[in-house]
């Protein structure tokens, strides 16, 4: 009986660890204007912004990459920058 109880705890522990997901880091998010592979799963439209009107496109893009990583995406298709460069939109994908 004790052996079965121990085995049950081990199985519950193993399955709970296996279901835990790990989000990609910002550095793991690939950015491109190209269409992703057909194997990629669309995760939605995202917007990146800067915190000031004097922000740069690079800052807006960095914010967009953070948003993508927080959503679990590892591929980001950049769609459009605002006229002043303080906002950028893109589509997030999870690719194998």
N, C-alpha and C. Protein backbone atom coordinates (compact mmCIF):
# COMPACT_ATOMS: atom_id res chain seq x y z
N UNK A 1 0.82 -1.19 0.00
CA UNK A 1 0.00 0.00 0.00
C UNK A 1 0.87 1.26 0.00
N UNK A 2 1.87 1.24 0.80
CA UNK A 2 2.77 2.39 0.91
C UNK A 2 3.48 2.66 -0.41
N UNK A 3 3.84 1.60 -1.10
CA UNK A 3 4.53 1.71 -2.39
C UNK A 3 3.61 2.38 -3.42
N UNK A 4 2.32 2.03 -3.42
CA UNK A 4 1.37 2.62 -4.38
C UNK A 4 1.15 4.10 -4.09
N UNK A 5 1.12 4.44 -2.81
CA UNK A 5 0.94 5.83 -2.42
C UNK A 5 2.14 6.67 -2.87
N UNK A 6 3.32 6.15 -2.68
CA UNK A 6 4.54 6.83 -3.11
C UNK A 6 4.56 6.98 -4.62
N UNK A 7 4.18 5.94 -5.35
CA UNK A 7 4.12 6.00 -6.81
C UNK A 7 3.11 7.05 -7.26
N UNK A 8 1.98 7.14 -6.59
CA UNK A 8 0.96 8.15 -6.92
C UNK A 8 1.49 9.56 -6.76
N UNK A 9 2.21 9.83 -5.68
CA UNK A 9 2.80 11.15 -5.48
C UNK A 9 3.84 11.47 -6.54
N UNK A 10 4.63 10.50 -6.92
CA UNK A 10 5.64 10.71 -7.96
C UNK A 10 4.98 11.04 -9.30
N UNK A 11 3.91 10.34 -9.63
CA UNK A 11 3.23 10.60 -10.90
C UNK A 11 2.58 11.97 -10.92
N UNK A 12 1.95 12.35 -9.83
CA UNK A 12 1.33 13.68 -9.76
C UNK A 12 2.40 14.75 -9.88
N UNK A 13 3.51 14.60 -9.21
CA UNK A 13 4.59 15.56 -9.29
C UNK A 13 5.19 15.66 -10.68
N UNK A 14 5.34 14.54 -11.35
CA UNK A 14 5.93 14.53 -12.70
C UNK A 14 5.00 15.19 -13.70
N UNK A 15 3.70 14.95 -13.61
CA UNK A 15 2.79 15.54 -14.58
C UNK A 15 2.61 17.03 -14.34
N UNK A 16 2.64 17.48 -13.11
CA UNK A 16 2.47 18.91 -12.87
C UNK A 16 3.68 19.68 -13.36
N UNK A 17 4.86 19.12 -13.27
CA UNK A 17 6.04 19.79 -13.78
C UNK A 17 6.05 19.79 -15.30
N UNK A 18 5.59 18.74 -15.91
CA UNK A 18 5.61 18.64 -17.36
C UNK A 18 4.65 19.61 -18.02
N UNK A 19 3.58 20.01 -17.34
CA UNK A 19 2.61 20.89 -17.95
C UNK A 19 2.98 22.37 -17.80
N UNK A 20 3.99 22.67 -17.06
CA UNK A 20 4.41 24.06 -16.85
C UNK A 20 5.12 24.58 -18.09
N UNK A 21 4.70 25.72 -18.62
CA UNK A 21 5.33 26.26 -19.81
C UNK A 21 6.37 27.32 -19.43
N UNK A 22 7.30 27.52 -20.33
CA UNK A 22 8.33 28.51 -20.14
C UNK A 22 8.21 29.53 -21.27
N UNK A 23 8.09 30.80 -20.92
CA UNK A 23 7.99 31.84 -21.93
C UNK A 23 9.35 32.12 -22.54
N UNK A 24 9.39 32.44 -23.82
CA UNK A 24 10.67 32.78 -24.43
C UNK A 24 11.19 34.11 -23.89
N UNK A 25 12.50 34.28 -23.92
CA UNK A 25 13.07 35.57 -23.52
C UNK A 25 12.96 36.53 -24.71
N UNK A 26 13.12 37.79 -24.45
CA UNK A 26 13.04 38.81 -25.50
C UNK A 26 14.07 38.51 -26.59
N UNK A 27 15.25 38.03 -26.19
CA UNK A 27 16.30 37.71 -27.16
C UNK A 27 15.94 36.55 -28.08
N UNK A 28 15.00 35.72 -27.67
CA UNK A 28 14.58 34.56 -28.47
C UNK A 28 13.48 34.90 -29.48
N UNK A 29 12.96 36.12 -29.43
CA UNK A 29 11.90 36.52 -30.35
C UNK A 29 12.54 37.00 -31.65
N UNK A 30 12.29 36.27 -32.73
CA UNK A 30 12.80 36.65 -34.04
C UNK A 30 11.87 37.71 -34.63
N UNK A 31 12.44 38.79 -35.15
CA UNK A 31 11.67 39.89 -35.71
C UNK A 31 11.94 39.97 -37.21
N UNK A 32 10.86 40.06 -37.98
CA UNK A 32 10.99 40.14 -39.44
C UNK A 32 9.74 40.77 -40.03
N UNK A 33 9.86 41.24 -41.26
CA UNK A 33 8.69 41.69 -42.01
C UNK A 33 8.14 40.54 -42.86
N UNK A 34 8.87 39.43 -42.91
CA UNK A 34 8.48 38.28 -43.72
C UNK A 34 7.34 37.50 -43.06
N UNK A 35 6.56 36.82 -43.89
CA UNK A 35 5.51 35.92 -43.39
C UNK A 35 6.18 34.77 -42.64
N UNK A 36 5.59 34.32 -41.54
CA UNK A 36 6.16 33.18 -40.83
C UNK A 36 5.87 31.87 -41.57
N UNK A 37 6.49 30.82 -41.12
CA UNK A 37 6.26 29.48 -41.67
C UNK A 37 4.79 29.11 -41.47
N UNK A 38 4.23 28.32 -42.39
CA UNK A 38 2.84 27.86 -42.22
C UNK A 38 2.65 27.01 -40.96
N UNK A 39 3.73 26.50 -40.40
CA UNK A 39 3.65 25.69 -39.18
C UNK A 39 3.46 26.54 -37.92
N UNK A 40 3.61 27.85 -38.06
CA UNK A 40 3.49 28.75 -36.91
C UNK A 40 2.03 29.00 -36.56
N UNK A 41 1.78 29.20 -35.28
CA UNK A 41 0.43 29.45 -34.77
C UNK A 41 0.28 30.95 -34.48
N UNK A 42 -0.71 31.59 -35.10
CA UNK A 42 -0.96 33.01 -34.88
C UNK A 42 -1.45 33.24 -33.45
N UNK A 43 -0.91 34.28 -32.81
CA UNK A 43 -1.28 34.58 -31.43
C UNK A 43 -1.90 35.96 -31.29
N UNK A 44 -2.01 36.71 -32.37
CA UNK A 44 -2.69 38.00 -32.31
C UNK A 44 -1.83 39.19 -32.63
N UNK A 45 -2.52 40.32 -32.73
CA UNK A 45 -1.88 41.59 -33.05
C UNK A 45 -1.38 42.24 -31.76
N UNK A 46 -0.20 42.85 -31.83
CA UNK A 46 0.40 43.52 -30.69
C UNK A 46 0.84 44.92 -31.07
N UNK A 47 0.97 45.78 -30.08
CA UNK A 47 1.45 47.14 -30.29
C UNK A 47 2.57 47.43 -29.31
N UNK A 48 3.63 48.03 -29.82
CA UNK A 48 4.74 48.48 -28.99
C UNK A 48 4.80 49.99 -29.03
N UNK A 49 5.07 50.61 -27.89
CA UNK A 49 5.13 52.07 -27.81
C UNK A 49 6.35 52.50 -27.02
N UNK A 50 6.65 53.79 -27.13
CA UNK A 50 7.70 54.38 -26.30
C UNK A 50 7.04 55.18 -25.19
N UNK A 51 7.79 55.50 -24.18
CA UNK A 51 7.21 56.22 -23.04
C UNK A 51 7.25 57.73 -23.22
N UNK A 52 7.85 58.20 -24.31
CA UNK A 52 7.90 59.64 -24.55
C UNK A 52 7.74 59.93 -26.04
N UNK A 53 7.41 61.17 -26.34
CA UNK A 53 7.26 61.57 -27.74
C UNK A 53 8.61 61.65 -28.43
N UNK A 54 9.65 61.66 -27.69
CA UNK A 54 11.01 61.69 -28.27
C UNK A 54 11.60 60.29 -28.39
N UNK A 55 10.75 59.30 -28.21
CA UNK A 55 11.21 57.92 -28.32
C UNK A 55 11.64 57.58 -29.73
N UNK A 56 12.33 56.47 -29.85
CA UNK A 56 12.85 56.03 -31.15
C UNK A 56 12.12 54.77 -31.62
N UNK A 57 12.30 54.46 -32.89
CA UNK A 57 11.74 53.22 -33.44
C UNK A 57 12.31 52.02 -32.71
N UNK A 58 13.59 52.08 -32.34
CA UNK A 58 14.23 50.97 -31.65
C UNK A 58 13.57 50.72 -30.29
N UNK A 59 13.20 51.80 -29.59
CA UNK A 59 12.53 51.65 -28.29
C UNK A 59 11.13 51.06 -28.46
N UNK A 60 10.42 51.51 -29.48
CA UNK A 60 9.08 50.98 -29.75
C UNK A 60 9.17 49.50 -30.11
N UNK A 61 10.18 49.14 -30.92
CA UNK A 61 10.36 47.75 -31.31
C UNK A 61 10.75 46.88 -30.12
N UNK A 62 11.57 47.41 -29.24
CA UNK A 62 11.95 46.66 -28.02
C UNK A 62 10.72 46.39 -27.16
N UNK A 63 9.81 47.37 -27.05
CA UNK A 63 8.57 47.19 -26.30
C UNK A 63 7.70 46.13 -26.96
N UNK A 64 7.64 46.15 -28.28
CA UNK A 64 6.86 45.15 -29.02
C UNK A 64 7.42 43.74 -28.80
N UNK A 65 8.73 43.60 -28.80
CA UNK A 65 9.36 42.30 -28.54
C UNK A 65 9.04 41.81 -27.13
N UNK A 66 9.05 42.71 -26.14
CA UNK A 66 8.70 42.33 -24.76
C UNK A 66 7.26 41.84 -24.70
N UNK A 67 6.36 42.54 -25.38
CA UNK A 67 4.96 42.13 -25.41
C UNK A 67 4.82 40.74 -26.03
N UNK A 68 5.54 40.49 -27.12
CA UNK A 68 5.48 39.19 -27.79
C UNK A 68 6.00 38.08 -26.88
N UNK A 69 7.14 38.32 -26.23
CA UNK A 69 7.71 37.31 -25.33
C UNK A 69 6.76 37.03 -24.16
N UNK A 70 6.15 38.07 -23.61
CA UNK A 70 5.22 37.89 -22.49
C UNK A 70 3.99 37.10 -22.90
N UNK A 71 3.65 37.15 -24.16
CA UNK A 71 2.49 36.40 -24.66
C UNK A 71 2.88 34.96 -25.03
N UNK A 72 4.18 34.67 -25.07
CA UNK A 72 4.65 33.33 -25.40
C UNK A 72 5.06 33.17 -26.85
N UNK A 73 5.11 34.28 -27.59
CA UNK A 73 5.48 34.22 -29.01
C UNK A 73 7.00 34.19 -29.16
N UNK A 74 7.46 33.54 -30.23
CA UNK A 74 8.88 33.53 -30.52
C UNK A 74 9.18 34.06 -31.93
N UNK A 75 8.14 34.53 -32.63
CA UNK A 75 8.30 35.14 -33.95
C UNK A 75 7.37 36.35 -34.02
N UNK A 76 7.88 37.44 -34.53
CA UNK A 76 7.13 38.69 -34.59
C UNK A 76 7.24 39.25 -36.00
N UNK A 77 6.10 39.39 -36.65
CA UNK A 77 6.08 39.98 -37.97
C UNK A 77 5.71 41.46 -37.81
N UNK A 78 6.66 42.34 -38.11
CA UNK A 78 6.44 43.78 -37.99
C UNK A 78 5.56 44.22 -39.15
N UNK A 79 4.51 44.96 -38.82
CA UNK A 79 3.57 45.44 -39.84
C UNK A 79 3.76 46.91 -40.16
N UNK A 80 3.77 47.78 -39.13
CA UNK A 80 3.80 49.21 -39.43
C UNK A 80 4.31 50.03 -38.25
N UNK A 81 5.14 51.03 -38.57
CA UNK A 81 5.58 52.02 -37.60
C UNK A 81 4.72 53.28 -37.77
N UNK A 82 4.47 53.98 -36.68
CA UNK A 82 3.74 55.25 -36.77
C UNK A 82 4.63 56.27 -37.47
N UNK A 83 4.04 57.37 -37.90
CA UNK A 83 4.79 58.41 -38.61
C UNK A 83 5.95 58.96 -37.81
N UNK A 84 5.77 59.13 -36.51
CA UNK A 84 6.84 59.67 -35.67
C UNK A 84 7.72 58.57 -35.06
N UNK A 85 7.40 57.30 -35.31
CA UNK A 85 8.24 56.20 -34.86
C UNK A 85 8.08 55.80 -33.41
N UNK A 86 7.10 56.36 -32.71
CA UNK A 86 6.94 56.03 -31.30
C UNK A 86 5.98 54.87 -31.06
N UNK A 87 5.43 54.31 -32.13
CA UNK A 87 4.53 53.16 -32.01
C UNK A 87 4.77 52.22 -33.19
N UNK A 88 4.67 50.92 -32.91
CA UNK A 88 4.83 49.93 -33.96
C UNK A 88 3.81 48.81 -33.72
N UNK A 89 3.25 48.29 -34.80
CA UNK A 89 2.32 47.17 -34.69
C UNK A 89 2.92 45.94 -35.35
N UNK A 90 2.50 44.78 -34.88
CA UNK A 90 2.99 43.53 -35.43
C UNK A 90 2.08 42.38 -35.08
N UNK A 91 2.36 41.25 -35.69
CA UNK A 91 1.62 40.03 -35.43
C UNK A 91 2.54 39.04 -34.74
N UNK A 92 2.06 38.47 -33.64
CA UNK A 92 2.85 37.52 -32.85
C UNK A 92 2.51 36.09 -33.27
N UNK A 93 3.53 35.23 -33.28
CA UNK A 93 3.38 33.82 -33.65
C UNK A 93 4.20 32.94 -32.71
N UNK A 94 3.72 31.72 -32.55
CA UNK A 94 4.49 30.68 -31.86
C UNK A 94 4.91 29.69 -32.93
N UNK A 95 6.20 29.60 -33.15
CA UNK A 95 6.73 28.73 -34.22
C UNK A 95 7.52 27.56 -33.62
N UNK A 96 7.43 26.42 -34.26
CA UNK A 96 8.18 25.26 -33.76
C UNK A 96 9.68 25.42 -33.97
